[in-house]
């Protein structure tokens, strides 16, 4: 497989050409990937739109590196820490808006939903649907976060609960999907003098390895 320079195409074998929205070579940086693909999504999230980001591929192909990166190395930060920093930097610079940032964390394993932030890790949640908000997870916990440090703490708590579950289930980590949900509410006074609220939701997904999908 090779990337065609300065294009959006990949060649596999001799003549099988595939075209994508963006293509990155092996020397691409984390910042390059984030600024090209993810930054516009986070900006739209702040404007009240919904977005989802996930890395797809077999186990060992770099999904976790792309999504999380390497802690303590700013140049190798992944999508998730870059998104956290981007969101709270934008909020700190805003003047006429008020923001509320909430975080939730869930795991899907063998078609069961578990709240990774709940004190009761044995409880299984249900998927529901409402005409006004669409699909949602009933009784999923949500925590207000006011800084990068606070939202990182929420994610760390969920990851600890996920790893505890992994020790109790055979091959759990490679078969489970984890979804970290950031909900941003923005309150702003409009030209009519009334207070307007817009809500955006970002789903950051850690998918199971794609080699499991056939099974």
N, C-alpha and C. Protein backbone atom coordinates (compact mmCIF):
# COMPACT_ATOMS: atom_id res chain seq x y z
N UNK A 1 0.84 -1.19 0.00
CA UNK A 1 0.00 0.00 0.00
C UNK A 1 0.88 1.24 0.00
N UNK A 2 0.50 2.24 -0.78
CA UNK A 2 1.25 3.50 -0.76
C UNK A 2 0.30 4.67 -0.97
N UNK A 3 0.70 5.81 -0.38
CA UNK A 3 -0.08 7.03 -0.50
C UNK A 3 0.42 7.82 -1.70
N UNK A 4 -0.50 8.32 -2.52
CA UNK A 4 -0.11 9.16 -3.65
C UNK A 4 0.16 10.56 -3.11
N UNK A 5 1.37 11.09 -3.27
CA UNK A 5 1.72 12.41 -2.72
C UNK A 5 0.77 13.51 -3.20
N UNK A 6 0.43 14.41 -2.27
CA UNK A 6 -0.41 15.58 -2.57
C UNK A 6 -1.76 15.21 -3.17
N UNK A 7 -2.29 14.08 -2.73
CA UNK A 7 -3.60 13.67 -3.22
C UNK A 7 -4.40 13.09 -2.06
N UNK A 8 -5.60 12.64 -2.36
CA UNK A 8 -6.45 12.01 -1.36
C UNK A 8 -6.63 10.53 -1.68
N UNK A 9 -5.62 9.94 -2.29
CA UNK A 9 -5.76 8.57 -2.76
C UNK A 9 -4.68 7.64 -2.21
N UNK A 10 -5.09 6.37 -2.10
CA UNK A 10 -4.19 5.31 -1.66
C UNK A 10 -4.23 4.20 -2.70
N UNK A 11 -3.06 3.65 -3.01
CA UNK A 11 -2.98 2.54 -3.97
C UNK A 11 -2.62 1.26 -3.22
N UNK A 12 -3.41 0.22 -3.42
CA UNK A 12 -3.13 -1.10 -2.85
C UNK A 12 -2.86 -2.06 -3.99
N UNK A 13 -1.72 -2.73 -3.90
CA UNK A 13 -1.32 -3.61 -5.00
C UNK A 13 -0.84 -2.79 -6.17
N UNK A 14 -1.15 -3.23 -7.37
CA UNK A 14 -0.67 -2.53 -8.57
C UNK A 14 -1.62 -1.43 -9.04
N UNK A 15 -2.91 -1.67 -8.93
CA UNK A 15 -3.82 -0.72 -9.57
C UNK A 15 -5.12 -0.45 -8.81
N UNK A 16 -5.21 -0.92 -7.57
CA UNK A 16 -6.44 -0.67 -6.81
C UNK A 16 -6.32 0.67 -6.09
N UNK A 17 -7.09 1.66 -6.57
CA UNK A 17 -7.01 3.03 -6.06
C UNK A 17 -8.25 3.34 -5.22
N UNK A 18 -8.01 3.90 -4.02
CA UNK A 18 -9.11 4.28 -3.14
C UNK A 18 -8.98 5.77 -2.81
N UNK A 19 -10.10 6.47 -2.85
CA UNK A 19 -10.11 7.92 -2.60
C UNK A 19 -10.83 8.23 -1.29
N UNK A 20 -10.23 9.13 -0.49
CA UNK A 20 -10.79 9.50 0.81
C UNK A 20 -10.86 11.03 0.92
N UNK A 21 -11.51 11.50 1.99
CA UNK A 21 -11.55 12.95 2.24
C UNK A 21 -10.15 13.47 2.52
N UNK A 22 -9.38 12.71 3.32
CA UNK A 22 -8.00 13.07 3.64
C UNK A 22 -7.16 11.80 3.69
N UNK A 23 -5.92 11.91 3.31
CA UNK A 23 -4.98 10.80 3.38
C UNK A 23 -3.68 11.31 4.00
N UNK A 24 -3.16 10.57 4.97
CA UNK A 24 -1.92 10.96 5.63
C UNK A 24 -0.88 9.85 5.47
N UNK A 25 0.34 10.26 5.17
CA UNK A 25 1.43 9.31 5.06
C UNK A 25 1.98 8.92 6.41
N UNK A 26 2.96 8.02 6.42
CA UNK A 26 3.50 7.49 7.68
C UNK A 26 4.28 8.54 8.47
N UNK A 27 4.68 9.62 7.84
CA UNK A 27 5.44 10.67 8.53
C UNK A 27 4.56 11.81 9.04
N UNK A 28 3.26 11.67 8.90
CA UNK A 28 2.35 12.72 9.37
C UNK A 28 2.39 12.83 10.89
N UNK A 29 2.19 14.04 11.39
CA UNK A 29 2.24 14.27 12.83
C UNK A 29 0.84 14.22 13.44
N UNK A 30 0.78 14.10 14.75
CA UNK A 30 -0.50 14.12 15.46
C UNK A 30 -1.21 15.46 15.23
N UNK A 31 -0.46 16.57 15.29
CA UNK A 31 -1.05 17.89 15.08
C UNK A 31 -1.62 18.03 13.68
N UNK A 32 -0.94 17.47 12.71
CA UNK A 32 -1.41 17.55 11.33
C UNK A 32 -2.75 16.84 11.17
N UNK A 33 -2.85 15.66 11.77
CA UNK A 33 -4.11 14.91 11.71
C UNK A 33 -5.22 15.66 12.44
N UNK A 34 -4.90 16.17 13.63
CA UNK A 34 -5.92 16.87 14.43
C UNK A 34 -6.40 18.14 13.72
N UNK A 35 -5.46 18.96 13.29
CA UNK A 35 -5.83 20.25 12.69
C UNK A 35 -6.61 20.09 11.39
N UNK A 36 -6.31 19.03 10.65
CA UNK A 36 -6.98 18.81 9.37
C UNK A 36 -8.36 18.19 9.54
N UNK A 37 -8.45 17.15 10.37
CA UNK A 37 -9.69 16.36 10.45
C UNK A 37 -10.58 16.69 11.65
N UNK A 38 -9.96 16.95 12.80
CA UNK A 38 -10.73 17.02 14.04
C UNK A 38 -11.07 18.45 14.45
N UNK A 39 -10.16 19.38 14.24
CA UNK A 39 -10.38 20.75 14.69
C UNK A 39 -11.68 21.35 14.13
N UNK A 40 -11.98 21.16 12.85
CA UNK A 40 -13.27 21.70 12.34
C UNK A 40 -14.47 21.09 13.04
N UNK A 41 -14.38 19.81 13.45
CA UNK A 41 -15.49 19.16 14.14
C UNK A 41 -15.69 19.76 15.53
N UNK A 42 -14.58 20.02 16.24
CA UNK A 42 -14.67 20.60 17.57
C UNK A 42 -15.24 22.02 17.50
N UNK A 43 -14.84 22.77 16.48
CA UNK A 43 -15.39 24.12 16.29
C UNK A 43 -16.90 24.06 16.04
N UNK A 44 -17.33 23.08 15.27
CA UNK A 44 -18.77 22.94 15.00
C UNK A 44 -19.50 22.50 16.26
N UNK A 45 -18.84 21.68 17.09
CA UNK A 45 -19.42 21.27 18.36
C UNK A 45 -19.73 22.48 19.23
N UNK A 46 -18.78 23.41 19.32
CA UNK A 46 -18.96 24.61 20.11
C UNK A 46 -20.09 25.47 19.56
N UNK A 47 -20.33 25.35 18.25
CA UNK A 47 -21.42 26.12 17.62
C UNK A 47 -22.77 25.43 17.75
N UNK A 48 -22.79 24.24 18.40
CA UNK A 48 -24.06 23.58 18.65
C UNK A 48 -24.37 22.38 17.80
N UNK A 49 -23.37 21.86 17.07
CA UNK A 49 -23.58 20.68 16.24
C UNK A 49 -23.05 19.43 16.94
N UNK A 50 -23.49 18.27 16.50
CA UNK A 50 -23.00 17.01 17.04
C UNK A 50 -21.91 16.43 16.14
N UNK A 51 -20.98 15.72 16.74
CA UNK A 51 -19.89 15.13 15.97
C UNK A 51 -19.42 13.84 16.64
N UNK A 52 -18.86 12.94 15.86
CA UNK A 52 -18.31 11.69 16.38
C UNK A 52 -16.94 11.44 15.76
N UNK A 53 -16.00 11.03 16.60
CA UNK A 53 -14.64 10.73 16.15
C UNK A 53 -14.27 9.33 16.62
N UNK A 54 -13.85 8.47 15.70
CA UNK A 54 -13.35 7.16 16.12
C UNK A 54 -12.26 6.70 15.16
N UNK A 55 -11.39 5.84 15.69
CA UNK A 55 -10.35 5.21 14.87
C UNK A 55 -10.77 3.76 14.64
N UNK A 56 -10.70 3.33 13.38
CA UNK A 56 -11.15 1.98 13.02
C UNK A 56 -9.98 1.20 12.45
N UNK A 57 -9.87 -0.06 12.84
CA UNK A 57 -8.81 -0.90 12.30
C UNK A 57 -8.52 -2.07 13.20
N UNK A 58 -7.66 -2.95 12.75
CA UNK A 58 -7.32 -4.14 13.52
C UNK A 58 -6.53 -3.77 14.78
N UNK A 59 -6.53 -4.67 15.74
CA UNK A 59 -5.74 -4.49 16.95
C UNK A 59 -4.26 -4.33 16.58
N UNK A 60 -3.62 -3.31 17.17
CA UNK A 60 -2.19 -3.10 16.92
C UNK A 60 -1.88 -2.18 15.77
N UNK A 61 -2.91 -1.54 15.18
CA UNK A 61 -2.66 -0.67 14.02
C UNK A 61 -2.54 0.80 14.40
N UNK A 62 -2.61 1.12 15.70
CA UNK A 62 -2.37 2.49 16.11
C UNK A 62 -3.60 3.30 16.48
N UNK A 63 -4.74 2.65 16.71
CA UNK A 63 -5.97 3.38 17.05
C UNK A 63 -5.80 4.17 18.35
N UNK A 64 -5.28 3.50 19.36
CA UNK A 64 -5.13 4.16 20.67
C UNK A 64 -4.10 5.28 20.58
N UNK A 65 -3.05 5.09 19.82
CA UNK A 65 -2.04 6.15 19.65
C UNK A 65 -2.67 7.37 18.99
N UNK A 66 -3.49 7.14 17.98
CA UNK A 66 -4.14 8.25 17.28
C UNK A 66 -5.12 8.98 18.20
N UNK A 67 -5.88 8.22 18.97
CA UNK A 67 -6.91 8.82 19.82
C UNK A 67 -6.33 9.44 21.09
N UNK A 68 -5.33 8.80 21.70
CA UNK A 68 -4.81 9.27 22.99
C UNK A 68 -3.39 9.83 22.90
N UNK A 69 -2.55 9.24 22.06
CA UNK A 69 -1.18 9.70 21.96
C UNK A 69 -0.32 9.23 23.12
N UNK A 70 0.74 9.96 23.39
CA UNK A 70 1.67 9.64 24.47
C UNK A 70 1.61 10.73 25.53
N UNK A 71 1.30 10.33 26.74
CA UNK A 71 1.19 11.29 27.84
C UNK A 71 2.54 11.95 28.11
N UNK A 72 2.51 13.25 28.37
CA UNK A 72 3.73 13.97 28.72
C UNK A 72 4.53 14.45 27.54
N UNK A 73 4.09 14.12 26.32
CA UNK A 73 4.80 14.56 25.12
C UNK A 73 3.83 15.40 24.28
N UNK A 74 3.93 16.73 24.36
CA UNK A 74 2.98 17.61 23.66
C UNK A 74 2.90 17.37 22.16
N UNK A 75 4.03 16.98 21.54
CA UNK A 75 4.04 16.78 20.10
C UNK A 75 3.34 15.48 19.69
N UNK A 76 3.13 14.58 20.65
CA UNK A 76 2.53 13.29 20.33
C UNK A 76 1.17 13.11 20.99
N UNK A 77 0.58 14.23 21.41
CA UNK A 77 -0.77 14.16 21.98
C UNK A 77 -1.76 13.74 20.90
N UNK A 78 -2.71 12.90 21.27
CA UNK A 78 -3.68 12.41 20.32
C UNK A 78 -4.93 13.27 20.23
N UNK A 79 -5.93 12.73 19.57
CA UNK A 79 -7.18 13.45 19.32
C UNK A 79 -7.85 13.88 20.62
N UNK A 80 -7.93 12.98 21.59
CA UNK A 80 -8.67 13.27 22.82
C UNK A 80 -8.06 14.42 23.62
N UNK A 81 -6.77 14.35 24.00
CA UNK A 81 -6.20 15.48 24.75
C UNK A 81 -6.18 16.78 23.96
N UNK A 82 -5.99 16.70 22.65
CA UNK A 82 -6.04 17.91 21.83
C UNK A 82 -7.44 18.52 21.82
N UNK A 83 -8.46 17.66 21.81
CA UNK A 83 -9.85 18.14 21.85
C UNK A 83 -10.14 18.83 23.18
N UNK A 84 -9.69 18.21 24.28
CA UNK A 84 -9.90 18.81 25.60
C UNK A 84 -9.28 20.21 25.65
N UNK A 85 -8.04 20.30 25.20
CA UNK A 85 -7.33 21.58 25.25
C UNK A 85 -8.00 22.62 24.36
N UNK A 86 -8.42 22.19 23.18
CA UNK A 86 -9.07 23.08 22.22
C UNK A 86 -10.37 23.65 22.80
N UNK A 87 -11.18 22.79 23.40
CA UNK A 87 -12.47 23.21 23.95
C UNK A 87 -12.30 24.24 25.05
N UNK A 88 -11.44 23.95 26.03
CA UNK A 88 -11.33 24.85 27.17
C UNK A 88 -10.52 26.11 26.85
N UNK A 89 -9.64 26.04 25.87
CA UNK A 89 -8.95 27.25 25.42
C UNK A 89 -9.96 28.20 24.77
N UNK A 90 -10.84 27.64 23.93
CA UNK A 90 -11.87 28.46 23.28
C UNK A 90 -12.78 29.11 24.32
N UNK A 91 -13.20 28.33 25.31
CA UNK A 91 -14.10 28.84 26.35
C UNK A 91 -13.43 29.96 27.14
N UNK A 92 -12.14 29.79 27.46
CA UNK A 92 -11.43 30.80 28.25
C UNK A 92 -11.30 32.12 27.51
N UNK A 93 -11.35 32.08 26.17
CA UNK A 93 -11.19 33.28 25.37
C UNK A 93 -12.52 33.92 24.98
N UNK A 94 -13.62 33.24 25.25
CA UNK A 94 -14.93 33.78 24.88
C UNK A 94 -15.33 34.89 25.86
N UNK A 95 -16.09 35.86 25.37
CA UNK A 95 -16.43 37.02 26.19
C UNK A 95 -17.93 37.17 26.43
N UNK A 96 -18.72 36.90 25.44
CA UNK A 96 -20.15 37.17 25.56
C UNK A 96 -21.00 35.90 25.71
N UNK A 97 -20.33 34.77 25.89
CA UNK A 97 -21.05 33.52 26.05
C UNK A 97 -20.72 32.88 27.39
N UNK A 98 -21.66 32.08 27.88
CA UNK A 98 -21.43 31.27 29.07
C UNK A 98 -21.53 29.80 28.66
N UNK A 99 -20.59 28.99 29.12
CA UNK A 99 -20.54 27.60 28.71
C UNK A 99 -20.69 26.65 29.89
N UNK A 100 -21.32 25.51 29.61
CA UNK A 100 -21.41 24.41 30.57
C UNK A 100 -20.93 23.15 29.85
N UNK A 101 -19.88 22.53 30.38
CA UNK A 101 -19.30 21.33 29.76
C UNK A 101 -19.56 20.13 30.66
N UNK A 102 -20.20 19.12 30.11
CA UNK A 102 -20.49 17.90 30.87
C UNK A 102 -19.87 16.69 30.17
N UNK A 103 -19.47 15.71 30.97
CA UNK A 103 -18.82 14.52 30.43
C UNK A 103 -19.50 13.25 30.92
N UNK A 104 -19.66 12.29 30.02
CA UNK A 104 -20.19 10.96 30.34
C UNK A 104 -19.27 9.93 29.69
N UNK A 105 -19.31 8.70 30.21
CA UNK A 105 -18.41 7.67 29.70
C UNK A 105 -19.12 6.33 29.81
N UNK A 106 -19.28 5.66 28.68
CA UNK A 106 -19.97 4.37 28.69
C UNK A 106 -19.19 3.33 27.89
N UNK A 107 -19.52 2.09 28.17
CA UNK A 107 -18.87 0.98 27.48
C UNK A 107 -19.94 0.02 26.95
N UNK A 108 -19.72 -0.47 25.74
CA UNK A 108 -20.61 -1.46 25.15
C UNK A 108 -19.84 -2.77 25.01
N UNK A 109 -20.33 -3.79 25.69
CA UNK A 109 -19.66 -5.09 25.65
C UNK A 109 -20.71 -6.18 25.55
N UNK A 110 -20.63 -6.99 24.49
CA UNK A 110 -21.60 -8.05 24.25
C UNK A 110 -23.04 -7.51 24.31
N UNK A 111 -23.24 -6.36 23.63
CA UNK A 111 -24.54 -5.72 23.48
C UNK A 111 -25.13 -5.23 24.80
N UNK A 112 -24.30 -5.12 25.83
CA UNK A 112 -24.74 -4.55 27.09
C UNK A 112 -24.03 -3.21 27.31
N UNK A 113 -24.73 -2.26 27.91
CA UNK A 113 -24.19 -0.92 28.13
C UNK A 113 -23.88 -0.73 29.61
N UNK A 114 -22.66 -0.28 29.89
CA UNK A 114 -22.23 -0.06 31.27
C UNK A 114 -21.76 1.37 31.44
N UNK A 115 -22.17 2.01 32.52
CA UNK A 115 -21.74 3.38 32.83
C UNK A 115 -20.40 3.30 33.54
N UNK A 116 -19.34 3.75 32.87
CA UNK A 116 -18.00 3.66 33.44
C UNK A 116 -17.76 4.66 34.57
N UNK A 117 -18.70 5.59 34.78
CA UNK A 117 -18.55 6.58 35.85
C UNK A 117 -19.49 6.31 37.03
N UNK A 118 -20.22 5.20 36.96
CA UNK A 118 -21.15 4.87 38.03
C UNK A 118 -20.43 4.12 39.16
N UNK A 119 -20.92 4.32 40.39
CA UNK A 119 -20.37 3.58 41.52
C UNK A 119 -20.78 2.12 41.47
N UNK A 120 -21.91 1.84 40.84
CA UNK A 120 -22.39 0.47 40.69
C UNK A 120 -22.04 -0.05 39.30
N UNK A 121 -20.94 -0.78 39.19
CA UNK A 121 -20.47 -1.26 37.90
C UNK A 121 -21.19 -2.52 37.43
N UNK A 122 -22.10 -3.04 38.26
CA UNK A 122 -22.85 -4.23 37.86
C UNK A 122 -24.13 -3.86 37.13
N UNK A 123 -24.54 -2.60 37.21
CA UNK A 123 -25.79 -2.16 36.60
C UNK A 123 -25.64 -2.03 35.09
N UNK A 124 -26.62 -2.51 34.35
CA UNK A 124 -26.63 -2.40 32.90
C UNK A 124 -27.70 -1.40 32.48
N UNK A 125 -27.36 -0.53 31.55
CA UNK A 125 -28.26 0.55 31.14
C UNK A 125 -29.02 0.20 29.87
N UNK A 126 -30.09 0.96 29.63
CA UNK A 126 -30.94 0.72 28.47
C UNK A 126 -30.85 1.86 27.47
N UNK A 127 -30.94 1.50 26.21
CA UNK A 127 -30.95 2.48 25.12
C UNK A 127 -32.39 2.89 24.87
N UNK A 128 -32.65 4.20 24.87
CA UNK A 128 -34.00 4.72 24.67
C UNK A 128 -34.00 5.73 23.53
N UNK A 129 -35.20 6.16 23.14
CA UNK A 129 -35.31 7.17 22.08
C UNK A 129 -36.46 8.11 22.39
N UNK A 130 -36.20 9.42 22.19
CA UNK A 130 -37.23 10.44 22.37
C UNK A 130 -37.36 11.24 21.08
N UNK A 131 -38.56 11.70 20.75
CA UNK A 131 -38.76 12.46 19.51
C UNK A 131 -37.93 13.75 19.48
N UNK A 132 -37.71 14.38 20.65
CA UNK A 132 -37.03 15.68 20.65
C UNK A 132 -35.51 15.56 20.68
N UNK A 133 -34.98 14.54 21.35
CA UNK A 133 -33.52 14.43 21.48
C UNK A 133 -32.93 13.24 20.76
N UNK A 134 -33.76 12.31 20.29
CA UNK A 134 -33.26 11.14 19.59
C UNK A 134 -32.84 10.03 20.55
N UNK A 135 -31.85 9.25 20.14
CA UNK A 135 -31.40 8.10 20.93
C UNK A 135 -30.56 8.57 22.11
N UNK A 136 -30.81 7.96 23.28
CA UNK A 136 -30.02 8.28 24.47
C UNK A 136 -29.95 7.07 25.38
N UNK A 137 -29.03 7.11 26.33
CA UNK A 137 -28.87 6.03 27.29
C UNK A 137 -29.52 6.45 28.60
N UNK A 138 -30.54 5.72 29.02
CA UNK A 138 -31.28 6.05 30.23
C UNK A 138 -30.40 5.90 31.47
N UNK A 139 -30.43 6.89 32.35
CA UNK A 139 -29.73 6.90 33.64
C UNK A 139 -28.21 6.97 33.52
N UNK A 140 -27.70 7.38 32.36
CA UNK A 140 -26.25 7.55 32.20
C UNK A 140 -25.80 8.76 33.01
N UNK A 141 -24.79 8.59 33.84
CA UNK A 141 -24.33 9.70 34.68
C UNK A 141 -23.57 10.74 33.86
N UNK A 142 -23.58 11.97 34.38
CA UNK A 142 -22.94 13.09 33.68
C UNK A 142 -22.30 14.00 34.71
N UNK A 143 -21.06 14.44 34.44
CA UNK A 143 -20.33 15.28 35.39
C UNK A 143 -19.94 16.60 34.74
N UNK A 144 -20.20 17.70 35.46
CA UNK A 144 -19.80 19.02 34.98
C UNK A 144 -18.30 19.16 35.16
N UNK A 145 -17.60 19.62 34.11
CA UNK A 145 -16.15 19.82 34.18
C UNK A 145 -15.84 21.26 33.78
N UNK A 146 -14.89 21.86 34.50
CA UNK A 146 -14.58 23.28 34.28
C UNK A 146 -13.16 23.52 33.80
N UNK A 147 -12.41 22.46 33.53
CA UNK A 147 -11.03 22.62 33.07
C UNK A 147 -10.56 21.33 32.41
N UNK A 148 -9.42 21.41 31.73
CA UNK A 148 -8.83 20.22 31.12
C UNK A 148 -8.51 19.19 32.20
N UNK A 149 -7.99 19.66 33.31
CA UNK A 149 -7.63 18.75 34.40
C UNK A 149 -8.84 17.99 34.92
N UNK A 150 -9.97 18.68 35.05
CA UNK A 150 -11.18 18.03 35.57
C UNK A 150 -11.73 17.00 34.58
N UNK A 151 -11.74 17.33 33.30
CA UNK A 151 -12.30 16.39 32.32
C UNK A 151 -11.35 15.20 32.13
N UNK A 152 -10.04 15.43 32.27
CA UNK A 152 -9.08 14.32 32.23
C UNK A 152 -9.29 13.39 33.42
N UNK A 153 -9.60 13.97 34.58
CA UNK A 153 -9.86 13.15 35.76
C UNK A 153 -11.07 12.26 35.55
N UNK A 154 -12.14 12.81 34.95
CA UNK A 154 -13.33 12.02 34.67
C UNK A 154 -12.99 10.85 33.76
N UNK A 155 -12.22 11.11 32.72
CA UNK A 155 -11.84 10.04 31.80
C UNK A 155 -10.97 9.00 32.49
N UNK A 156 -10.06 9.44 33.36
CA UNK A 156 -9.18 8.50 34.07
C UNK A 156 -9.98 7.58 34.99
N UNK A 157 -10.99 8.13 35.66
CA UNK A 157 -11.85 7.31 36.52
C UNK A 157 -12.54 6.23 35.69
N UNK A 158 -13.08 6.63 34.53
CA UNK A 158 -13.75 5.67 33.66
C UNK A 158 -12.80 4.61 33.14
N UNK A 159 -11.58 5.02 32.78
CA UNK A 159 -10.60 4.06 32.28
C UNK A 159 -10.21 3.05 33.35
N UNK A 160 -10.14 3.49 34.60
CA UNK A 160 -9.84 2.58 35.70
C UNK A 160 -10.94 1.54 35.86
N UNK A 161 -12.18 1.98 35.77
CA UNK A 161 -13.30 1.04 35.86
C UNK A 161 -13.33 0.09 34.67
N UNK A 162 -12.92 0.60 33.51
CA UNK A 162 -12.88 -0.26 32.33
C UNK A 162 -11.80 -1.33 32.46
N UNK A 163 -10.65 -0.96 32.99
CA UNK A 163 -9.55 -1.92 33.14
C UNK A 163 -9.88 -2.96 34.19
N UNK A 164 -10.62 -2.56 35.24
CA UNK A 164 -11.05 -3.53 36.26
C UNK A 164 -11.97 -4.56 35.62
N UNK A 165 -12.88 -4.09 34.77
CA UNK A 165 -13.77 -5.01 34.07
C UNK A 165 -13.01 -5.94 33.15
N UNK A 166 -11.93 -5.43 32.55
CA UNK A 166 -11.16 -6.23 31.61
C UNK A 166 -10.50 -7.42 32.29
N UNK A 167 -10.13 -7.28 33.56
CA UNK A 167 -9.47 -8.38 34.27
C UNK A 167 -10.45 -9.50 34.59
N UNK A 168 -11.76 -9.18 34.55
CA UNK A 168 -12.77 -10.17 34.90
C UNK A 168 -13.41 -10.82 33.67
N UNK A 169 -13.02 -10.40 32.50
CA UNK A 169 -13.64 -10.94 31.29
C UNK A 169 -12.56 -11.34 30.29
N UNK A 170 -12.72 -12.49 29.70
CA UNK A 170 -11.75 -12.99 28.74
C UNK A 170 -11.73 -12.14 27.48
N UNK A 171 -10.56 -11.65 27.12
CA UNK A 171 -10.37 -10.83 25.91
C UNK A 171 -11.31 -9.63 25.88
N UNK A 172 -11.64 -9.12 27.05
CA UNK A 172 -12.63 -8.03 27.16
C UNK A 172 -12.24 -6.79 26.36
N UNK A 173 -11.00 -6.33 26.53
CA UNK A 173 -10.61 -5.05 25.97
C UNK A 173 -10.68 -5.01 24.45
N UNK A 174 -10.39 -6.16 23.80
CA UNK A 174 -10.39 -6.17 22.34
C UNK A 174 -11.79 -6.35 21.76
N UNK A 175 -12.76 -6.60 22.64
CA UNK A 175 -14.12 -6.81 22.16
C UNK A 175 -15.08 -5.71 22.58
N UNK A 176 -14.63 -4.78 23.40
CA UNK A 176 -15.54 -3.75 23.92
C UNK A 176 -15.32 -2.41 23.22
N UNK A 177 -16.39 -1.64 23.14
CA UNK A 177 -16.33 -0.28 22.62
C UNK A 177 -16.55 0.69 23.78
N UNK A 178 -15.74 1.72 23.87
CA UNK A 178 -15.92 2.74 24.90
C UNK A 178 -16.22 4.08 24.22
N UNK A 179 -17.21 4.81 24.76
CA UNK A 179 -17.62 6.09 24.18
C UNK A 179 -17.57 7.17 25.26
N UNK A 180 -16.70 8.15 25.05
CA UNK A 180 -16.61 9.30 25.96
C UNK A 180 -17.39 10.44 25.32
N UNK A 181 -18.40 10.93 26.03
CA UNK A 181 -19.31 11.92 25.47
C UNK A 181 -19.11 13.27 26.15
N UNK A 182 -18.82 14.29 25.35
CA UNK A 182 -18.69 15.66 25.84
C UNK A 182 -19.88 16.47 25.33
N UNK A 183 -20.65 17.02 26.25
CA UNK A 183 -21.80 17.86 25.89
C UNK A 183 -21.50 19.30 26.28
N UNK A 184 -21.61 20.20 25.31
CA UNK A 184 -21.34 21.62 25.56
C UNK A 184 -22.62 22.43 25.36
N UNK A 185 -23.02 23.13 26.41
CA UNK A 185 -24.16 24.05 26.33
C UNK A 185 -23.63 25.48 26.34
N UNK A 186 -24.06 26.28 25.39
CA UNK A 186 -23.63 27.67 25.29
C UNK A 186 -24.84 28.59 25.43
N UNK A 187 -24.74 29.53 26.36
CA UNK A 187 -25.80 30.50 26.58
C UNK A 187 -25.32 31.87 26.10
N UNK A 188 -26.14 32.51 25.27
CA UNK A 188 -25.74 33.79 24.68
C UNK A 188 -26.97 34.68 24.46
N UNK A 189 -26.84 35.97 24.74
CA UNK A 189 -27.93 36.92 24.52
C UNK A 189 -27.95 37.32 23.04
N UNK A 190 -29.10 37.11 22.41
CA UNK A 190 -29.23 37.40 20.99
C UNK A 190 -29.57 38.85 20.72
N UNK A 191 -29.74 39.17 19.43
CA UNK A 191 -30.08 40.53 19.02
C UNK A 191 -31.46 40.94 19.53
N UNK A 192 -32.29 39.94 19.85
CA UNK A 192 -33.63 40.23 20.35
C UNK A 192 -33.64 40.48 21.86
N UNK A 193 -32.45 40.40 22.46
CA UNK A 193 -32.36 40.64 23.90
C UNK A 193 -32.68 39.41 24.74
N UNK A 194 -33.07 38.33 24.07
CA UNK A 194 -33.41 37.09 24.77
C UNK A 194 -32.18 36.19 24.89
N UNK A 195 -32.22 35.33 25.91
CA UNK A 195 -31.13 34.39 26.12
C UNK A 195 -31.34 33.15 25.25
N UNK A 196 -30.34 32.79 24.45
CA UNK A 196 -30.44 31.64 23.55
C UNK A 196 -29.42 30.58 23.98
N UNK A 197 -29.85 29.33 23.96
CA UNK A 197 -28.98 28.22 24.35
C UNK A 197 -28.83 27.25 23.19
N UNK A 198 -27.61 26.91 22.89
CA UNK A 198 -27.35 25.88 21.88
C UNK A 198 -26.53 24.77 22.53
N UNK A 199 -26.76 23.55 22.04
CA UNK A 199 -26.13 22.38 22.65
C UNK A 199 -25.45 21.55 21.56
N UNK A 200 -24.21 21.17 21.80
CA UNK A 200 -23.47 20.30 20.89
C UNK A 200 -22.92 19.11 21.65
N UNK A 201 -22.79 18.00 20.96
CA UNK A 201 -22.32 16.78 21.62
C UNK A 201 -21.22 16.13 20.78
N UNK A 202 -20.11 15.79 21.45
CA UNK A 202 -18.98 15.14 20.79
C UNK A 202 -18.80 13.75 21.37
N UNK A 203 -18.83 12.73 20.50
CA UNK A 203 -18.59 11.36 20.91
C UNK A 203 -17.17 10.95 20.50
N UNK A 204 -16.35 10.62 21.49
CA UNK A 204 -15.00 10.15 21.24
C UNK A 204 -14.99 8.64 21.50
N UNK A 205 -14.73 7.85 20.46
CA UNK A 205 -14.97 6.41 20.53
C UNK A 205 -13.67 5.62 20.46
N UNK A 206 -13.52 4.69 21.40
CA UNK A 206 -12.43 3.71 21.36
C UNK A 206 -13.05 2.39 20.93
N UNK A 207 -12.93 2.08 19.63
CA UNK A 207 -13.56 0.89 19.07
C UNK A 207 -12.76 -0.37 19.36
N UNK A 208 -13.46 -1.49 19.42
CA UNK A 208 -12.78 -2.78 19.48
C UNK A 208 -12.06 -3.01 18.15
N UNK A 209 -11.11 -3.91 18.15
CA UNK A 209 -10.39 -4.23 16.93
C UNK A 209 -11.32 -4.76 15.85
N UNK A 210 -11.12 -4.31 14.62
CA UNK A 210 -12.04 -4.65 13.54
C UNK A 210 -11.99 -6.12 13.17
N UNK A 211 -10.94 -6.85 13.59
CA UNK A 211 -10.87 -8.27 13.27
C UNK A 211 -11.96 -9.06 13.98
N UNK A 212 -12.61 -8.41 14.98
CA UNK A 212 -13.67 -9.07 15.72
C UNK A 212 -15.02 -8.96 15.02
N UNK A 213 -15.14 -8.06 14.06
CA UNK A 213 -16.46 -7.75 13.50
C UNK A 213 -17.10 -8.95 12.81
N UNK A 214 -16.30 -9.78 12.16
CA UNK A 214 -16.85 -10.92 11.44
C UNK A 214 -17.45 -11.95 12.41
N UNK A 215 -16.98 -11.88 13.67
CA UNK A 215 -17.46 -12.86 14.66
C UNK A 215 -18.63 -12.31 15.47
